[in-house]
């Protein structure tokens, strides 16, 4: 968890920008009324668990398992967002 205030401010600004972008896309009917993105946190959690289990099976030290867990969270979230984006684009373009 970063302790620097600028990191927190950047995260808040990015979250607000994403919210505005989704609101505009919904308004101009590029997205459906209800956008269910619960798959993203689910896949992030699964990626984290898989990488933690991998590190534990390999016998890595705890600090390295912690880094693997963070990487698994990132990898799972990005994969889920990419899959969700793919299906949304496929639905919009067809």
PDB file of N, CA and C in Angstrom:
ATOM      1  N   UNK A   1       0.849  -1.169   0.000  1.00  0.00           N
ATOM      2  CA  UNK A   1       0.000   0.000   0.000  1.00  0.00           C
ATOM      3  C   UNK A   1       0.893   1.230   0.000  1.00  0.00           C
ATOM      4  N   UNK A   2       0.744   2.082  -0.991  1.00  0.00           N
ATOM      5  CA  UNK A   2       1.609   3.263  -1.023  1.00  0.00           C
ATOM      6  C   UNK A   2       1.217   4.274   0.045  1.00  0.00           C
ATOM      7  N   UNK A   3       2.225   4.885   0.638  1.00  0.00           N
ATOM      8  CA  UNK A   3       1.979   5.892   1.660  1.00  0.00           C
ATOM      9  C   UNK A   3       2.021   7.302   1.089  1.00  0.00           C
ATOM     10  N   UNK A   4       2.445   7.445  -0.128  1.00  0.00           N
ATOM     11  CA  UNK A   4       2.582   8.769  -0.721  1.00  0.00           C
ATOM     12  C   UNK A   4       1.208   9.287  -1.153  1.00  0.00           C
ATOM     13  N   UNK A   5       0.896  10.508  -0.781  1.00  0.00           N
ATOM     14  CA  UNK A   5      -0.413  11.092  -1.056  1.00  0.00           C
ATOM     15  C   UNK A   5      -0.678  11.226  -2.550  1.00  0.00           C
ATOM     16  N   UNK A   6       0.358  11.471  -3.337  1.00  0.00           N
ATOM     17  CA  UNK A   6       0.178  11.633  -4.772  1.00  0.00           C
ATOM     18  C   UNK A   6      -0.339  10.344  -5.425  1.00  0.00           C
ATOM     19  N   UNK A   7       0.079   9.187  -4.911  1.00  0.00           N
ATOM     20  CA  UNK A   7      -0.427   7.909  -5.429  1.00  0.00           C
ATOM     21  C   UNK A   7      -1.921   7.771  -5.175  1.00  0.00           C
ATOM     22  N   UNK A   8      -2.367   8.153  -4.000  1.00  0.00           N
ATOM     23  CA  UNK A   8      -3.790   8.086  -3.678  1.00  0.00           C
ATOM     24  C   UNK A   8      -4.595   9.041  -4.545  1.00  0.00           C
ATOM     25  N   UNK A   9      -4.082  10.244  -4.744  1.00  0.00           N
ATOM     26  CA  UNK A   9      -4.790  11.232  -5.561  1.00  0.00           C
ATOM     27  C   UNK A   9      -4.893  10.743  -7.007  1.00  0.00           C
ATOM     28  N   UNK A  10      -3.821  10.171  -7.531  1.00  0.00           N
ATOM     29  CA  UNK A  10      -3.851   9.645  -8.903  1.00  0.00           C
ATOM     30  C   UNK A  10      -4.878   8.518  -9.032  1.00  0.00           C
ATOM     31  N   UNK A  11      -4.978   7.667  -8.023  1.00  0.00           N
ATOM     32  CA  UNK A  11      -5.971   6.601  -8.046  1.00  0.00           C
ATOM     33  C   UNK A  11      -7.392   7.128  -8.018  1.00  0.00           C
ATOM     34  N   UNK A  12      -7.636   8.142  -7.220  1.00  0.00           N
ATOM     35  CA  UNK A  12      -8.969   8.740  -7.143  1.00  0.00           C
ATOM     36  C   UNK A  12      -9.332   9.399  -8.472  1.00  0.00           C
ATOM     37  N   UNK A  13      -8.380  10.111  -9.068  1.00  0.00           N
ATOM     38  CA  UNK A  13      -8.638  10.757 -10.360  1.00  0.00           C
ATOM     39  C   UNK A  13      -8.916   9.714 -11.440  1.00  0.00           C
ATOM     40  N   UNK A  14      -8.162   8.628 -11.458  1.00  0.00           N
ATOM     41  CA  UNK A  14      -8.383   7.578 -12.445  1.00  0.00           C
ATOM     42  C   UNK A  14      -9.752   6.927 -12.253  1.00  0.00           C
ATOM     43  N   UNK A  15     -10.146   6.688 -11.016  1.00  0.00           N
ATOM     44  CA  UNK A  15     -11.464   6.124 -10.754  1.00  0.00           C
ATOM     45  C   UNK A  15     -12.593   7.038 -11.181  1.00  0.00           C
ATOM     46  N   UNK A  16     -12.437   8.328 -10.922  1.00  0.00           N
ATOM     47  CA  UNK A  16     -13.458   9.308 -11.345  1.00  0.00           C
ATOM     48  C   UNK A  16     -13.534   9.386 -12.864  1.00  0.00           C
ATOM     49  N   UNK A  17     -12.388   9.356 -13.535  1.00  0.00           N
ATOM     50  CA  UNK A  17     -12.374   9.408 -14.999  1.00  0.00           C
ATOM     51  C   UNK A  17     -13.046   8.175 -15.597  1.00  0.00           C
ATOM     52  N   UNK A  18     -12.801   7.011 -15.011  1.00  0.00           N
ATOM     53  CA  UNK A  18     -13.445   5.800 -15.500  1.00  0.00           C
ATOM     54  C   UNK A  18     -14.954   5.855 -15.293  1.00  0.00           C
ATOM     55  N   UNK A  19     -15.388   6.391 -14.160  1.00  0.00           N
ATOM     56  CA  UNK A  19     -16.816   6.511 -13.889  1.00  0.00           C
ATOM     57  C   UNK A  19     -17.486   7.446 -14.886  1.00  0.00           C
ATOM     58  N   UNK A  20     -16.846   8.555 -15.181  1.00  0.00           N
ATOM     59  CA  UNK A  20     -17.397   9.505 -16.154  1.00  0.00           C
ATOM     60  C   UNK A  20     -17.442   8.879 -17.548  1.00  0.00           C
ATOM     61  N   UNK A  21     -16.396   8.145 -17.924  1.00  0.00           N
ATOM     62  CA  UNK A  21     -16.363   7.505 -19.240  1.00  0.00           C
ATOM     63  C   UNK A  21     -17.479   6.476 -19.387  1.00  0.00           C
ATOM     64  N   UNK A  22     -17.731   5.686 -18.352  1.00  0.00           N
ATOM     65  CA  UNK A  22     -18.809   4.701 -18.412  1.00  0.00           C
ATOM     66  C   UNK A  22     -20.164   5.390 -18.447  1.00  0.00           C
ATOM     67  N   UNK A  23     -20.316   6.481 -17.703  1.00  0.00           N
ATOM     68  CA  UNK A  23     -21.582   7.211 -17.717  1.00  0.00           C
ATOM     69  C   UNK A  23     -21.866   7.791 -19.098  1.00  0.00           C
ATOM     70  N   UNK A  24     -20.847   8.342 -19.740  1.00  0.00           N
ATOM     71  CA  UNK A  24     -21.033   8.897 -21.085  1.00  0.00           C
ATOM     72  C   UNK A  24     -21.334   7.785 -22.083  1.00  0.00           C
ATOM     73  N   UNK A  25     -20.616   6.677 -21.998  1.00  0.00           N
ATOM     74  CA  UNK A  25     -20.854   5.563 -22.916  1.00  0.00           C
ATOM     75  C   UNK A  25     -22.251   4.985 -22.732  1.00  0.00           C
ATOM     76  N   UNK A  26     -22.749   4.945 -21.507  1.00  0.00           N
ATOM     77  CA  UNK A  26     -24.103   4.469 -21.264  1.00  0.00           C
ATOM     78  C   UNK A  26     -25.128   5.452 -21.817  1.00  0.00           C
ATOM     79  N   UNK A  27     -24.847   6.723 -21.678  1.00  0.00           N
ATOM     80  CA  UNK A  27     -25.777   7.761 -22.146  1.00  0.00           C
ATOM     81  C   UNK A  27     -25.935   7.734 -23.664  1.00  0.00           C
ATOM     82  N   UNK A  28     -24.843   7.516 -24.391  1.00  0.00           N
ATOM     83  CA  UNK A  28     -24.928   7.483 -25.851  1.00  0.00           C
ATOM     84  C   UNK A  28     -25.188   6.070 -26.373  1.00  0.00           C
ATOM     85  N   UNK A  29     -25.553   5.172 -25.488  1.00  0.00           N
ATOM     86  CA  UNK A  29     -25.966   3.803 -25.788  1.00  0.00           C
ATOM     87  C   UNK A  29     -24.854   2.929 -26.384  1.00  0.00           C
ATOM     88  N   UNK A  30     -23.624   3.191 -25.976  1.00  0.00           N
ATOM     89  CA  UNK A  30     -22.536   2.291 -26.338  1.00  0.00           C
ATOM     90  C   UNK A  30     -22.457   1.113 -25.379  1.00  0.00           C
ATOM     91  N   UNK A  31     -22.944   1.313 -24.164  1.00  0.00           N
ATOM     92  CA  UNK A  31     -22.965   0.255 -23.159  1.00  0.00           C
ATOM     93  C   UNK A  31     -24.397   0.041 -22.692  1.00  0.00           C
ATOM     94  N   UNK A  32     -24.710  -1.139 -22.184  1.00  0.00           N
ATOM     95  CA  UNK A  32     -26.053  -1.356 -21.648  1.00  0.00           C
ATOM     96  C   UNK A  32     -26.270  -0.542 -20.371  1.00  0.00           C
ATOM     97  N   UNK A  33     -27.507  -0.490 -19.920  1.00  0.00           N
ATOM     98  CA  UNK A  33     -27.855   0.292 -18.729  1.00  0.00           C
ATOM     99  C   UNK A  33     -27.096  -0.180 -17.489  1.00  0.00           C
ATOM    100  N   UNK A  34     -26.983  -1.473 -17.332  1.00  0.00           N
ATOM    101  CA  UNK A  34     -26.301  -2.036 -16.157  1.00  0.00           C
ATOM    102  C   UNK A  34     -25.040  -2.744 -16.636  1.00  0.00           C
ATOM    103  N   UNK A  35     -23.902  -2.295 -16.156  1.00  0.00           N
ATOM    104  CA  UNK A  35     -22.628  -2.900 -16.513  1.00  0.00           C
ATOM    105  C   UNK A  35     -22.171  -3.737 -15.327  1.00  0.00           C
ATOM    106  N   UNK A  36     -22.160  -5.038 -15.497  1.00  0.00           N
ATOM    107  CA  UNK A  36     -21.754  -5.938 -14.421  1.00  0.00           C
ATOM    108  C   UNK A  36     -20.288  -6.293 -14.625  1.00  0.00           C
ATOM    109  N   UNK A  37     -19.414  -5.757 -13.799  1.00  0.00           N
ATOM    110  CA  UNK A  37     -17.987  -6.032 -13.916  1.00  0.00           C
ATOM    111  C   UNK A  37     -17.486  -6.834 -12.718  1.00  0.00           C
ATOM    112  N   UNK A  38     -18.362  -7.639 -12.126  1.00  0.00           N
ATOM    113  CA  UNK A  38     -17.936  -8.432 -10.979  1.00  0.00           C
ATOM    114  C   UNK A  38     -16.952  -9.520 -11.368  1.00  0.00           C
ATOM    115  N   UNK A  39     -16.851  -9.820 -12.662  1.00  0.00           N
ATOM    116  CA  UNK A  39     -15.888 -10.825 -13.100  1.00  0.00           C
ATOM    117  C   UNK A  39     -14.455 -10.333 -12.894  1.00  0.00           C
ATOM    118  N   UNK A  40     -14.226  -9.034 -12.948  1.00  0.00           N
ATOM    119  CA  UNK A  40     -12.865  -8.497 -12.812  1.00  0.00           C
ATOM    120  C   UNK A  40     -12.307  -8.738 -11.403  1.00  0.00           C
ATOM    121  N   UNK A  41     -13.034  -8.354 -10.315  1.00  0.00           N
ATOM    122  CA  UNK A  41     -12.471  -8.669  -9.000  1.00  0.00           C
ATOM    123  C   UNK A  41     -12.402 -10.166  -8.715  1.00  0.00           C
ATOM    124  N   UNK A  42     -13.332 -10.929  -9.290  1.00  0.00           N
ATOM    125  CA  UNK A  42     -13.292 -12.380  -9.094  1.00  0.00           C
ATOM    126  C   UNK A  42     -12.042 -12.977  -9.721  1.00  0.00           C
ATOM    127  N   UNK A  43     -11.765 -12.598 -10.948  1.00  0.00           N
ATOM    128  CA  UNK A  43     -10.569 -13.122 -11.614  1.00  0.00           C
ATOM    129  C   UNK A  43      -9.287 -12.606 -10.965  1.00  0.00           C
ATOM    130  N   UNK A  44      -9.318 -11.378 -10.450  1.00  0.00           N
ATOM    131  CA  UNK A  44      -8.146 -10.864  -9.740  1.00  0.00           C
ATOM    132  C   UNK A  44      -7.871 -11.702  -8.499  1.00  0.00           C
ATOM    133  N   UNK A  45      -8.923 -12.059  -7.785  1.00  0.00           N
ATOM    134  CA  UNK A  45      -8.759 -12.905  -6.601  1.00  0.00           C
ATOM    135  C   UNK A  45      -8.275 -14.301  -6.950  1.00  0.00           C
ATOM    136  N   UNK A  46      -8.804 -14.859  -8.023  1.00  0.00           N
ATOM    137  CA  UNK A  46      -8.376 -16.192  -8.456  1.00  0.00           C
ATOM    138  C   UNK A  46      -6.904 -16.162  -8.876  1.00  0.00           C
ATOM    139  N   UNK A  47      -6.516 -15.130  -9.620  1.00  0.00           N
ATOM    140  CA  UNK A  47      -5.107 -15.007 -10.016  1.00  0.00           C
ATOM    141  C   UNK A  47      -4.190 -14.898  -8.812  1.00  0.00           C
ATOM    142  N   UNK A  48      -4.642 -14.157  -7.812  1.00  0.00           N
ATOM    143  CA  UNK A  48      -3.859 -14.007  -6.589  1.00  0.00           C
ATOM    144  C   UNK A  48      -3.703 -15.340  -5.866  1.00  0.00           C
ATOM    145  N   UNK A  49      -4.793 -16.074  -5.749  1.00  0.00           N
ATOM    146  CA  UNK A  49      -4.737 -17.374  -5.073  1.00  0.00           C
ATOM    147  C   UNK A  49      -3.868 -18.372  -5.826  1.00  0.00           C
ATOM    148  N   UNK A  50      -3.964 -18.372  -7.140  1.00  0.00           N
ATOM    149  CA  UNK A  50      -3.156 -19.305  -7.936  1.00  0.00           C
ATOM    150  C   UNK A  50      -1.674 -19.005  -7.774  1.00  0.00           C
ATOM    151  N   UNK A  51      -1.315 -17.726  -7.826  1.00  0.00           N
ATOM    152  CA  UNK A  51       0.100 -17.377  -7.685  1.00  0.00           C
ATOM    153  C   UNK A  51       0.615 -17.623  -6.264  1.00  0.00           C
ATOM    154  N   UNK A  52      -0.227 -17.408  -5.254  1.00  0.00           N
ATOM    155  CA  UNK A  52       0.179 -17.706  -3.884  1.00  0.00           C
ATOM    156  C   UNK A  52       0.386 -19.205  -3.697  1.00  0.00           C
ATOM    157  N   UNK A  53      -0.501 -20.001  -4.263  1.00  0.00           N
ATOM    158  CA  UNK A  53      -0.347 -21.455  -4.172  1.00  0.00           C
ATOM    159  C   UNK A  53       0.910 -21.913  -4.908  1.00  0.00           C
ATOM    160  N   UNK A  54       1.168 -21.326  -6.054  1.00  0.00           N
ATOM    161  CA  UNK A  54       2.382 -21.661  -6.810  1.00  0.00           C
ATOM    162  C   UNK A  54       3.638 -21.354  -5.993  1.00  0.00           C
ATOM    163  N   UNK A  55       3.661 -20.187  -5.362  1.00  0.00           N
ATOM    164  CA  UNK A  55       4.813 -19.811  -4.548  1.00  0.00           C
ATOM    165  C   UNK A  55       4.985 -20.714  -3.340  1.00  0.00           C
ATOM    166  N   UNK A  56       3.864 -21.116  -2.736  1.00  0.00           N
ATOM    167  CA  UNK A  56       3.943 -22.000  -1.574  1.00  0.00           C
ATOM    168  C   UNK A  56       4.415 -23.393  -1.966  1.00  0.00           C
ATOM    169  N   UNK A  57       3.942 -23.900  -3.092  1.00  0.00           N
ATOM    170  CA  UNK A  57       4.358 -25.228  -3.552  1.00  0.00           C
ATOM    171  C   UNK A  57       5.843 -25.234  -3.906  1.00  0.00           C
ATOM    172  N   UNK A  58       6.317 -24.161  -4.502  1.00  0.00           N
ATOM    173  CA  UNK A  58       7.726 -24.072  -4.856  1.00  0.00           C
ATOM    174  C   UNK A  58       8.621 -23.791  -3.663  1.00  0.00           C
ATOM    175  N   UNK A  59       8.033 -23.405  -2.513  1.00  0.00           N
ATOM    176  CA  UNK A  59       8.808 -23.166  -1.307  1.00  0.00           C
ATOM    177  C   UNK A  59       9.515 -21.824  -1.268  1.00  0.00           C
ATOM    178  N   UNK A  60       8.931 -20.827  -1.912  1.00  0.00           N
ATOM    179  CA  UNK A  60       9.525 -19.498  -1.921  1.00  0.00           C
ATOM    180  C   UNK A  60       9.400 -18.847  -0.553  1.00  0.00           C
ATOM    181  N   UNK A  61      10.286 -17.901  -0.224  1.00  0.00           N
ATOM    182  CA  UNK A  61      10.142 -17.152   1.034  1.00  0.00           C
ATOM    183  C   UNK A  61       8.883 -16.275   0.993  1.00  0.00           C
ATOM    184  N   UNK A  62       8.429 -15.861   2.175  1.00  0.00           N
ATOM    185  CA  UNK A  62       7.168 -15.126   2.277  1.00  0.00           C
ATOM    186  C   UNK A  62       7.179 -13.809   1.507  1.00  0.00           C
ATOM    187  N   UNK A  63       8.295 -13.116   1.486  1.00  0.00           N
ATOM    188  CA  UNK A  63       8.365 -11.846   0.755  1.00  0.00           C
ATOM    189  C   UNK A  63       8.139 -12.073  -0.734  1.00  0.00           C
ATOM    190  N   UNK A  64       8.700 -13.137  -1.263  1.00  0.00           N
ATOM    191  CA  UNK A  64       8.515 -13.433  -2.684  1.00  0.00           C
ATOM    192  C   UNK A  64       7.094 -13.898  -2.966  1.00  0.00           C
ATOM    193  N   UNK A  65       6.490 -14.650  -2.062  1.00  0.00           N
ATOM    194  CA  UNK A  65       5.087 -15.057  -2.224  1.00  0.00           C
ATOM    195  C   UNK A  65       4.184 -13.827  -2.232  1.00  0.00           C
ATOM    196  N   UNK A  66       4.499 -12.849  -1.405  1.00  0.00           N
ATOM    197  CA  UNK A  66       3.724 -11.610  -1.401  1.00  0.00           C
ATOM    198  C   UNK A  66       3.793 -10.898  -2.737  1.00  0.00           C
ATOM    199  N   UNK A  67       4.981 -10.861  -3.333  1.00  0.00           N
ATOM    200  CA  UNK A  67       5.113 -10.232  -4.653  1.00  0.00           C
ATOM    201  C   UNK A  67       4.396 -11.040  -5.720  1.00  0.00           C
ATOM    202  N   UNK A  68       4.468 -12.364  -5.628  1.00  0.00           N
ATOM    203  CA  UNK A  68       3.745 -13.210  -6.577  1.00  0.00           C
ATOM    204  C   UNK A  68       2.237 -13.015  -6.460  1.00  0.00           C
ATOM    205  N   UNK A  69       1.759 -12.841  -5.232  1.00  0.00           N
ATOM    206  CA  UNK A  69       0.332 -12.625  -5.020  1.00  0.00           C
ATOM    207  C   UNK A  69      -0.120 -11.319  -5.658  1.00  0.00           C
ATOM    208  N   UNK A  70       0.659 -10.266  -5.489  1.00  0.00           N
ATOM    209  CA  UNK A  70       0.322  -8.993  -6.124  1.00  0.00           C
ATOM    210  C   UNK A  70       0.347  -9.100  -7.644  1.00  0.00           C
ATOM    211  N   UNK A  71       1.329  -9.822  -8.166  1.00  0.00           N
ATOM    212  CA  UNK A  71       1.390 -10.013  -9.612  1.00  0.00           C
ATOM    213  C   UNK A  71       0.195 -10.822 -10.110  1.00  0.00           C
ATOM    214  N   UNK A  72      -0.216 -11.833  -9.345  1.00  0.00           N
ATOM    215  CA  UNK A  72      -1.386 -12.622  -9.721  1.00  0.00           C
ATOM    216  C   UNK A  72      -2.661 -11.798  -9.732  1.00  0.00           C
ATOM    217  N   UNK A  73      -2.774 -10.873  -8.768  1.00  0.00           N
ATOM    218  CA  UNK A  73      -3.929  -9.976  -8.743  1.00  0.00           C
ATOM    219  C   UNK A  73      -3.959  -9.116  -9.993  1.00  0.00           C
ATOM    220  N   UNK A  74      -2.815  -8.553 -10.342  1.00  0.00           N
ATOM    221  CA  UNK A  74      -2.720  -7.723 -11.538  1.00  0.00           C
ATOM    222  C   UNK A  74      -3.010  -8.536 -12.792  1.00  0.00           C
ATOM    223  N   UNK A  75      -2.407  -9.690 -12.895  1.00  0.00           N
ATOM    224  CA  UNK A  75      -2.571 -10.532 -14.080  1.00  0.00           C
ATOM    225  C   UNK A  75      -4.020 -10.992 -14.234  1.00  0.00           C
ATOM    226  N   UNK A  76      -4.653 -11.419 -13.146  1.00  0.00           N
ATOM    227  CA  UNK A  76      -6.046 -11.861 -13.212  1.00  0.00           C
ATOM    228  C   UNK A  76      -6.994 -10.735 -13.571  1.00  0.00           C
ATOM    229  N   UNK A  77      -6.784  -9.556 -12.991  1.00  0.00           N
ATOM    230  CA  UNK A  77      -7.644  -8.407 -13.294  1.00  0.00           C
ATOM    231  C   UNK A  77      -7.510  -7.954 -14.730  1.00  0.00           C
ATOM    232  N   UNK A  78      -6.285  -7.899 -15.231  1.00  0.00           N
ATOM    233  CA  UNK A  78      -6.062  -7.485 -16.614  1.00  0.00           C
ATOM    234  C   UNK A  78      -6.641  -8.514 -17.581  1.00  0.00           C
ATOM    235  N   UNK A  79      -6.467  -9.798 -17.281  1.00  0.00           N
ATOM    236  CA  UNK A  79      -7.030 -10.838 -18.146  1.00  0.00           C
ATOM    237  C   UNK A  79      -8.555 -10.751 -18.180  1.00  0.00           C
ATOM    238  N   UNK A  80      -9.172 -10.555 -17.021  1.00  0.00           N
ATOM    239  CA  UNK A  80     -10.637 -10.452 -16.989  1.00  0.00           C
ATOM    240  C   UNK A  80     -11.126  -9.215 -17.723  1.00  0.00           C
ATOM    241  N   UNK A  81     -10.434  -8.101 -17.558  1.00  0.00           N
ATOM    242  CA  UNK A  81     -10.826  -6.874 -18.267  1.00  0.00           C
ATOM    243  C   UNK A  81     -10.667  -7.047 -19.771  1.00  0.00           C
ATOM    244  N   UNK A  82      -9.621  -7.731 -20.194  1.00  0.00           N
ATOM    245  CA  UNK A  82      -9.423  -7.970 -21.621  1.00  0.00           C
ATOM    246  C   UNK A  82     -10.516  -8.873 -22.182  1.00  0.00           C
ATOM    247  N   UNK A  83     -10.863  -9.921 -21.442  1.00  0.00           N
ATOM    248  CA  UNK A  83     -11.936 -10.814 -21.890  1.00  0.00           C
ATOM    249  C   UNK A  83     -13.270 -10.082 -21.931  1.00  0.00           C
ATOM    250  N   UNK A  84     -13.545  -9.285 -20.909  1.00  0.00           N
ATOM    251  CA  UNK A  84     -14.778  -8.509 -20.883  1.00  0.00           C
ATOM    252  C   UNK A  84     -14.823  -7.506 -22.034  1.00  0.00           C
ATOM    253  N   UNK A  85     -13.717  -6.835 -22.296  1.00  0.00           N
ATOM    254  CA  UNK A  85     -13.648  -5.900 -23.415  1.00  0.00           C
ATOM    255  C   UNK A  85     -13.843  -6.588 -24.751  1.00  0.00           C
ATOM    256  N   UNK A  86     -13.263  -7.784 -24.886  1.00  0.00           N
ATOM    257  CA  UNK A  86     -13.422  -8.553 -26.121  1.00  0.00           C
ATOM    258  C   UNK A  86     -14.893  -8.881 -26.367  1.00  0.00           C
ATOM    259  N   UNK A  87     -15.580  -9.365 -25.338  1.00  0.00           N
ATOM    260  CA  UNK A  87     -16.982  -9.727 -25.508  1.00  0.00           C
ATOM    261  C   UNK A  87     -17.866  -8.508 -25.724  1.00  0.00           C
ATOM    262  N   UNK A  88     -17.548  -7.381 -25.079  1.00  0.00           N
ATOM    263  CA  UNK A  88     -18.311  -6.165 -25.323  1.00  0.00           C
ATOM    264  C   UNK A  88     -18.129  -5.668 -26.742  1.00  0.00           C
ATOM    265  N   UNK A  89     -16.896  -5.674 -27.236  1.00  0.00           N
ATOM    266  CA  UNK A  89     -16.650  -5.242 -28.604  1.00  0.00           C
ATOM    267  C   UNK A  89     -17.309  -6.183 -29.601  1.00  0.00           C
ATOM    268  N   UNK A  90     -17.272  -7.474 -29.318  1.00  0.00           N
ATOM    269  CA  UNK A  90     -17.914  -8.444 -30.210  1.00  0.00           C
ATOM    270  C   UNK A  90     -19.422  -8.237 -30.252  1.00  0.00           C
ATOM    271  N   UNK A  91     -20.001  -7.893 -29.092  1.00  0.00           N
ATOM    272  CA  UNK A  91     -21.435  -7.666 -29.024  1.00  0.00           C
ATOM    273  C   UNK A  91     -21.815  -6.364 -29.729  1.00  0.00           C
ATOM    274  N   UNK A  92     -20.988  -5.339 -29.591  1.00  0.00           N
ATOM    275  CA  UNK A  92     -21.282  -4.038 -30.215  1.00  0.00           C
ATOM    276  C   UNK A  92     -21.120  -4.109 -31.717  1.00  0.00           C
ATOM    277  N   UNK A  93     -20.083  -4.788 -32.191  1.00  0.00           N
ATOM    278  CA  UNK A  93     -19.794  -4.822 -33.618  1.00  0.00           C
ATOM    279  C   UNK A  93     -20.650  -5.818 -34.384  1.00  0.00           C
ATOM    280  N   UNK A  94     -21.327  -6.717 -33.716  1.00  0.00           N
ATOM    281  CA  UNK A  94     -22.137  -7.703 -34.460  1.00  0.00           C
ATOM    282  C   UNK A  94     -23.576  -7.291 -34.572  1.00  0.00           C
TER     283      UNK A  94
END
